Amino acid sequence: MADLDATLSALADPTRRGVVEVLKAGPQRASKLAELLEQTPPAMSRHLRVLRQAGLVYEESPPEDARIRLYRLNRAPFSELSEWVSEVEAFWGDQLDSFKRHVERRARRRR
């Protein structure tokens, strides 16, 4: 659950969710992310640090130029989040189905 907590905490910030949205299209440099999301470079650096620590993004350098750092999404935490959301949805679906059956039984008894 600690990983899920870190994921949810990191995604609580709209700028970090914006980074995720941009990175869904492909890897980007921090400077481009800052430009697209209208952030200063230091602010973007802080957001990227939180996303890295949560395991949501990672940085890599292309083999042709080690000076360049590109940020990419890491799928694993998003898969864990998706599984958790599915479990919660299933729980509520079961609860609503049970409530529906209860209401229908009571309606039949009143007739």
N, C-alpha and C. Protein backbone atom coordinates (compact mmCIF):
# COMPACT_ATOMS: atom_id res chain seq x y z
N MET A 1 0.81 -1.20 0.00
CA MET A 1 0.00 0.00 0.00
C MET A 1 0.85 1.27 0.00
N ALA A 2 2.08 1.18 0.49
CA ALA A 2 2.94 2.37 0.53
C ALA A 2 3.19 2.90 -0.87
N ASP A 3 3.36 2.00 -1.85
CA ASP A 3 3.57 2.44 -3.23
C ASP A 3 2.33 3.16 -3.75
N LEU A 4 1.16 2.61 -3.45
CA LEU A 4 -0.08 3.24 -3.89
C LEU A 4 -0.25 4.61 -3.23
N ASP A 5 0.10 4.70 -1.95
CA ASP A 5 0.03 5.99 -1.25
C ASP A 5 0.94 7.01 -1.92
N ALA A 6 2.14 6.60 -2.28
CA ALA A 6 3.09 7.50 -2.94
C ALA A 6 2.55 7.94 -4.30
N THR A 7 1.94 7.01 -5.02
CA THR A 7 1.38 7.33 -6.33
C THR A 7 0.26 8.36 -6.18
N LEU A 8 -0.67 8.09 -5.28
CA LEU A 8 -1.80 9.01 -5.09
C LEU A 8 -1.32 10.38 -4.60
N SER A 9 -0.35 10.39 -3.72
CA SER A 9 0.18 11.65 -3.21
C SER A 9 0.84 12.45 -4.33
N ALA A 10 1.62 11.78 -5.15
CA ALA A 10 2.29 12.47 -6.25
C ALA A 10 1.29 13.01 -7.27
N LEU A 11 0.23 12.25 -7.52
CA LEU A 11 -0.75 12.66 -8.52
C LEU A 11 -1.77 13.66 -7.98
N ALA A 12 -1.69 13.99 -6.71
CA ALA A 12 -2.62 14.96 -6.12
C ALA A 12 -2.39 16.37 -6.66
N ASP A 13 -1.21 16.62 -7.17
CA ASP A 13 -0.87 17.95 -7.67
C ASP A 13 -1.22 18.06 -9.17
N PRO A 14 -1.94 19.11 -9.57
CA PRO A 14 -2.33 19.24 -10.97
C PRO A 14 -1.16 19.37 -11.94
N THR A 15 -0.08 20.00 -11.52
CA THR A 15 1.08 20.12 -12.41
C THR A 15 1.68 18.74 -12.66
N ARG A 16 1.77 17.92 -11.63
CA ARG A 16 2.33 16.58 -11.82
C ARG A 16 1.42 15.72 -12.68
N ARG A 17 0.10 15.90 -12.54
CA ARG A 17 -0.81 15.19 -13.45
C ARG A 17 -0.60 15.69 -14.87
N GLY A 18 -0.31 16.97 -15.02
CA GLY A 18 -0.02 17.52 -16.35
C GLY A 18 1.23 16.90 -16.95
N VAL A 19 2.24 16.69 -16.13
CA VAL A 19 3.47 16.02 -16.60
C VAL A 19 3.12 14.63 -17.12
N VAL A 20 2.30 13.91 -16.37
CA VAL A 20 1.89 12.56 -16.79
C VAL A 20 1.16 12.64 -18.13
N GLU A 21 0.26 13.60 -18.27
CA GLU A 21 -0.47 13.75 -19.53
C GLU A 21 0.48 13.99 -20.70
N VAL A 22 1.45 14.86 -20.51
CA VAL A 22 2.41 15.16 -21.58
C VAL A 22 3.25 13.92 -21.90
N LEU A 23 3.71 13.23 -20.85
CA LEU A 23 4.59 12.08 -21.07
C LEU A 23 3.86 10.88 -21.66
N LYS A 24 2.53 10.88 -21.61
CA LYS A 24 1.78 9.79 -22.27
C LYS A 24 2.08 9.77 -23.76
N ALA A 25 2.35 10.94 -24.32
CA ALA A 25 2.64 11.04 -25.76
C ALA A 25 4.07 10.63 -26.09
N GLY A 26 4.94 10.58 -25.08
CA GLY A 26 6.33 10.20 -25.32
C GLY A 26 7.27 10.95 -24.41
N PRO A 27 8.53 10.54 -24.42
CA PRO A 27 9.52 11.15 -23.52
C PRO A 27 9.76 12.63 -23.85
N GLN A 28 10.11 13.37 -22.81
CA GLN A 28 10.39 14.80 -22.97
C GLN A 28 11.52 15.22 -22.06
N ARG A 29 12.19 16.28 -22.44
CA ARG A 29 13.18 16.92 -21.57
C ARG A 29 12.46 17.73 -20.50
N ALA A 30 13.13 17.93 -19.38
CA ALA A 30 12.56 18.73 -18.30
C ALA A 30 12.26 20.15 -18.77
N SER A 31 13.13 20.70 -19.59
CA SER A 31 12.92 22.07 -20.06
C SER A 31 11.66 22.18 -20.92
N LYS A 32 11.40 21.17 -21.72
CA LYS A 32 10.19 21.17 -22.56
C LYS A 32 8.94 21.01 -21.68
N LEU A 33 9.04 20.15 -20.67
CA LEU A 33 7.91 19.99 -19.75
C LEU A 33 7.61 21.31 -19.03
N ALA A 34 8.66 21.99 -18.59
CA ALA A 34 8.48 23.28 -17.92
C ALA A 34 7.80 24.29 -18.85
N GLU A 35 8.25 24.31 -20.08
CA GLU A 35 7.68 25.23 -21.07
C GLU A 35 6.20 24.91 -21.32
N LEU A 36 5.90 23.64 -21.58
CA LEU A 36 4.53 23.24 -21.89
C LEU A 36 3.57 23.47 -20.73
N LEU A 37 4.06 23.29 -19.51
CA LEU A 37 3.20 23.41 -18.33
C LEU A 37 3.35 24.77 -17.63
N GLU A 38 4.07 25.68 -18.29
CA GLU A 38 4.25 27.04 -17.79
C GLU A 38 4.78 27.06 -16.36
N GLN A 39 5.87 26.34 -16.17
CA GLN A 39 6.54 26.26 -14.87
C GLN A 39 7.97 26.79 -15.03
N THR A 40 8.53 27.29 -13.95
CA THR A 40 9.94 27.65 -13.99
C THR A 40 10.76 26.35 -13.95
N PRO A 41 11.98 26.37 -14.46
CA PRO A 41 12.80 25.15 -14.39
C PRO A 41 12.98 24.61 -12.97
N PRO A 42 13.22 25.47 -11.95
CA PRO A 42 13.34 24.92 -10.59
C PRO A 42 12.04 24.26 -10.10
N ALA A 43 10.90 24.85 -10.43
CA ALA A 43 9.62 24.27 -10.01
C ALA A 43 9.41 22.92 -10.70
N MET A 44 9.73 22.86 -11.99
CA MET A 44 9.57 21.60 -12.72
C MET A 44 10.52 20.55 -12.15
N SER A 45 11.70 20.95 -11.78
CA SER A 45 12.65 20.01 -11.19
C SER A 45 12.08 19.40 -9.91
N ARG A 46 11.44 20.22 -9.09
CA ARG A 46 10.83 19.71 -7.84
C ARG A 46 9.69 18.74 -8.15
N HIS A 47 8.86 19.07 -9.14
CA HIS A 47 7.77 18.17 -9.51
C HIS A 47 8.31 16.84 -10.05
N LEU A 48 9.33 16.91 -10.87
CA LEU A 48 9.92 15.68 -11.42
C LEU A 48 10.56 14.84 -10.32
N ARG A 49 11.14 15.48 -9.33
CA ARG A 49 11.73 14.74 -8.21
C ARG A 49 10.65 13.94 -7.48
N VAL A 50 9.51 14.57 -7.22
CA VAL A 50 8.41 13.88 -6.54
C VAL A 50 7.93 12.71 -7.39
N LEU A 51 7.78 12.93 -8.69
CA LEU A 51 7.32 11.86 -9.58
C LEU A 51 8.34 10.71 -9.65
N ARG A 52 9.63 11.05 -9.65
CA ARG A 52 10.68 10.01 -9.66
C ARG A 52 10.66 9.22 -8.36
N GLN A 53 10.57 9.92 -7.23
CA GLN A 53 10.56 9.25 -5.93
C GLN A 53 9.35 8.33 -5.79
N ALA A 54 8.24 8.69 -6.40
CA ALA A 54 7.05 7.84 -6.36
C ALA A 54 7.14 6.70 -7.38
N GLY A 55 8.16 6.76 -8.24
CA GLY A 55 8.34 5.71 -9.24
C GLY A 55 7.48 5.89 -10.48
N LEU A 56 6.85 7.05 -10.62
CA LEU A 56 5.96 7.27 -11.76
C LEU A 56 6.70 7.62 -13.04
N VAL A 57 7.85 8.25 -12.90
CA VAL A 57 8.68 8.59 -14.06
C VAL A 57 10.11 8.17 -13.78
N TYR A 58 10.86 8.03 -14.84
CA TYR A 58 12.30 7.80 -14.70
C TYR A 58 12.99 8.60 -15.79
N GLU A 59 14.26 8.84 -15.55
CA GLU A 59 15.02 9.60 -16.55
C GLU A 59 16.03 8.68 -17.21
N GLU A 60 16.30 9.00 -18.45
CA GLU A 60 17.31 8.25 -19.19
C GLU A 60 18.01 9.19 -20.16
N SER A 61 19.17 8.77 -20.58
CA SER A 61 19.93 9.53 -21.57
C SER A 61 20.00 8.72 -22.85
N PRO A 62 19.75 9.36 -23.98
CA PRO A 62 19.89 8.63 -25.24
C PRO A 62 21.36 8.25 -25.45
N PRO A 63 21.63 7.10 -26.06
CA PRO A 63 23.01 6.65 -26.23
C PRO A 63 23.89 7.64 -27.00
N GLU A 64 23.28 8.42 -27.88
CA GLU A 64 24.08 9.34 -28.70
C GLU A 64 24.51 10.60 -27.96
N ASP A 65 23.86 10.92 -26.83
CA ASP A 65 24.24 12.14 -26.09
C ASP A 65 23.88 11.97 -24.61
N ALA A 66 24.86 11.65 -23.81
CA ALA A 66 24.65 11.39 -22.38
C ALA A 66 24.31 12.66 -21.61
N ARG A 67 24.47 13.82 -22.22
CA ARG A 67 24.15 15.07 -21.54
C ARG A 67 22.65 15.32 -21.48
N ILE A 68 21.92 14.70 -22.39
CA ILE A 68 20.47 14.90 -22.47
C ILE A 68 19.78 13.94 -21.50
N ARG A 69 18.83 14.47 -20.75
CA ARG A 69 18.02 13.63 -19.87
C ARG A 69 16.57 13.71 -20.32
N LEU A 70 16.03 12.56 -20.66
CA LEU A 70 14.63 12.47 -21.06
C LEU A 70 13.84 11.82 -19.94
N TYR A 71 12.62 12.27 -19.76
CA TYR A 71 11.74 11.68 -18.75
C TYR A 71 10.69 10.84 -19.43
N ARG A 72 10.46 9.65 -18.87
CA ARG A 72 9.48 8.70 -19.39
C ARG A 72 8.59 8.23 -18.25
N LEU A 73 7.38 7.78 -18.62
CA LEU A 73 6.48 7.19 -17.64
C LEU A 73 6.91 5.76 -17.33
N ASN A 74 6.72 5.38 -16.08
CA ASN A 74 6.93 4.01 -15.65
C ASN A 74 5.54 3.39 -15.48
N ARG A 75 5.24 2.36 -16.23
CA ARG A 75 3.88 1.79 -16.24
C ARG A 75 3.48 1.10 -14.94
N ALA A 76 4.41 0.51 -14.23
CA ALA A 76 4.08 -0.33 -13.07
C ALA A 76 3.20 0.37 -12.03
N PRO A 77 3.54 1.57 -11.57
CA PRO A 77 2.67 2.20 -10.56
C PRO A 77 1.27 2.50 -11.08
N PHE A 78 1.15 2.79 -12.38
CA PHE A 78 -0.16 3.07 -12.94
C PHE A 78 -0.99 1.79 -13.03
N SER A 79 -0.34 0.67 -13.26
CA SER A 79 -1.04 -0.61 -13.27
C SER A 79 -1.56 -0.93 -11.88
N GLU A 80 -0.74 -0.69 -10.86
CA GLU A 80 -1.16 -0.93 -9.48
C GLU A 80 -2.34 -0.03 -9.13
N LEU A 81 -2.29 1.22 -9.54
CA LEU A 81 -3.37 2.16 -9.29
C LEU A 81 -4.65 1.70 -9.99
N SER A 82 -4.52 1.26 -11.22
CA SER A 82 -5.66 0.78 -11.98
C SER A 82 -6.30 -0.44 -11.32
N GLU A 83 -5.48 -1.36 -10.83
CA GLU A 83 -6.00 -2.54 -10.14
C GLU A 83 -6.77 -2.13 -8.89
N TRP A 84 -6.24 -1.20 -8.13
CA TRP A 84 -6.89 -0.74 -6.91
C TRP A 84 -8.23 -0.09 -7.23
N VAL A 85 -8.25 0.76 -8.26
CA VAL A 85 -9.50 1.43 -8.65
C VAL A 85 -10.53 0.38 -9.09
N SER A 86 -10.09 -0.62 -9.82
CA SER A 86 -11.00 -1.69 -10.25
C SER A 86 -11.59 -2.43 -9.05
N GLU A 87 -10.77 -2.69 -8.04
CA GLU A 87 -11.26 -3.36 -6.83
C GLU A 87 -12.31 -2.49 -6.11
N VAL A 88 -12.05 -1.20 -6.03
CA VAL A 88 -13.00 -0.30 -5.38
C VAL A 88 -14.30 -0.24 -6.18
N GLU A 89 -14.18 -0.16 -7.51
CA GLU A 89 -15.38 -0.14 -8.35
C GLU A 89 -16.17 -1.43 -8.19
N ALA A 90 -15.49 -2.56 -8.14
CA ALA A 90 -16.17 -3.84 -7.97
C ALA A 90 -16.90 -3.88 -6.63
N PHE A 91 -16.26 -3.38 -5.59
CA PHE A 91 -16.89 -3.34 -4.26
C PHE A 91 -18.19 -2.55 -4.33
N TRP A 92 -18.12 -1.35 -4.90
CA TRP A 92 -19.32 -0.52 -4.95
C TRP A 92 -20.36 -1.11 -5.89
N GLY A 93 -19.92 -1.74 -6.95
CA GLY A 93 -20.87 -2.41 -7.84
C GLY A 93 -21.61 -3.51 -7.11
N ASP A 94 -20.90 -4.31 -6.32
CA ASP A 94 -21.52 -5.36 -5.52
C ASP A 94 -22.49 -4.77 -4.51
N GLN A 95 -22.08 -3.69 -3.86
CA GLN A 95 -22.94 -3.05 -2.86
C GLN A 95 -24.21 -2.51 -3.50
N LEU A 96 -24.07 -1.89 -4.66
CA LEU A 96 -25.25 -1.34 -5.33
C LEU A 96 -26.17 -2.46 -5.84
N ASP A 97 -25.60 -3.54 -6.33
CA ASP A 97 -26.41 -4.69 -6.76
C ASP A 97 -27.19 -5.26 -5.58
N SER A 98 -26.53 -5.38 -4.45
CA SER A 98 -27.19 -5.88 -3.25
C SER A 98 -28.33 -4.95 -2.81
N PHE A 99 -28.08 -3.66 -2.85
CA PHE A 99 -29.11 -2.70 -2.48
C PHE A 99 -30.29 -2.78 -3.45
N LYS A 100 -29.99 -2.90 -4.72
CA LYS A 100 -31.05 -3.01 -5.74
C LYS A 100 -31.92 -4.24 -5.47
N ARG A 101 -31.30 -5.38 -5.18
CA ARG A 101 -32.07 -6.60 -4.89
C ARG A 101 -32.94 -6.39 -3.64
N HIS A 102 -32.40 -5.73 -2.65
CA HIS A 102 -33.16 -5.45 -1.42
C HIS A 102 -34.39 -4.60 -1.73
N VAL A 103 -34.21 -3.54 -2.48
CA VAL A 103 -35.32 -2.65 -2.83
C VAL A 103 -36.37 -3.39 -3.64
N GLU A 104 -35.92 -4.20 -4.59
CA GLU A 104 -36.86 -4.96 -5.41
C GLU A 104 -37.65 -5.96 -4.57
N ARG A 105 -37.01 -6.63 -3.61
CA ARG A 105 -37.71 -7.58 -2.72
C ARG A 105 -38.76 -6.84 -1.89
N ARG A 106 -38.40 -5.69 -1.36
CA ARG A 106 -39.35 -4.93 -0.55
C ARG A 106 -40.53 -4.45 -1.40
N ALA A 107 -40.24 -4.06 -2.63
CA ALA A 107 -41.31 -3.59 -3.52
C ALA A 107 -42.28 -4.74 -3.82
N ARG A 108 -41.76 -5.96 -4.01
CA ARG A 108 -42.62 -7.12 -4.29
C ARG A 108 -43.48 -7.45 -3.07
N ARG A 109 -42.94 -7.32 -1.89
CA ARG A 109 -43.70 -7.63 -0.66
C ARG A 109 -44.85 -6.66 -0.45
N ARG A 110 -44.71 -5.46 -0.88
CA ARG A 110 -45.75 -4.44 -0.69
C ARG A 110 -46.92 -4.62 -1.63
N ARG A 111 -46.73 -5.35 -2.68
CA ARG A 111 -47.80 -5.51 -3.67
C ARG A 111 -48.87 -6.40 -3.19
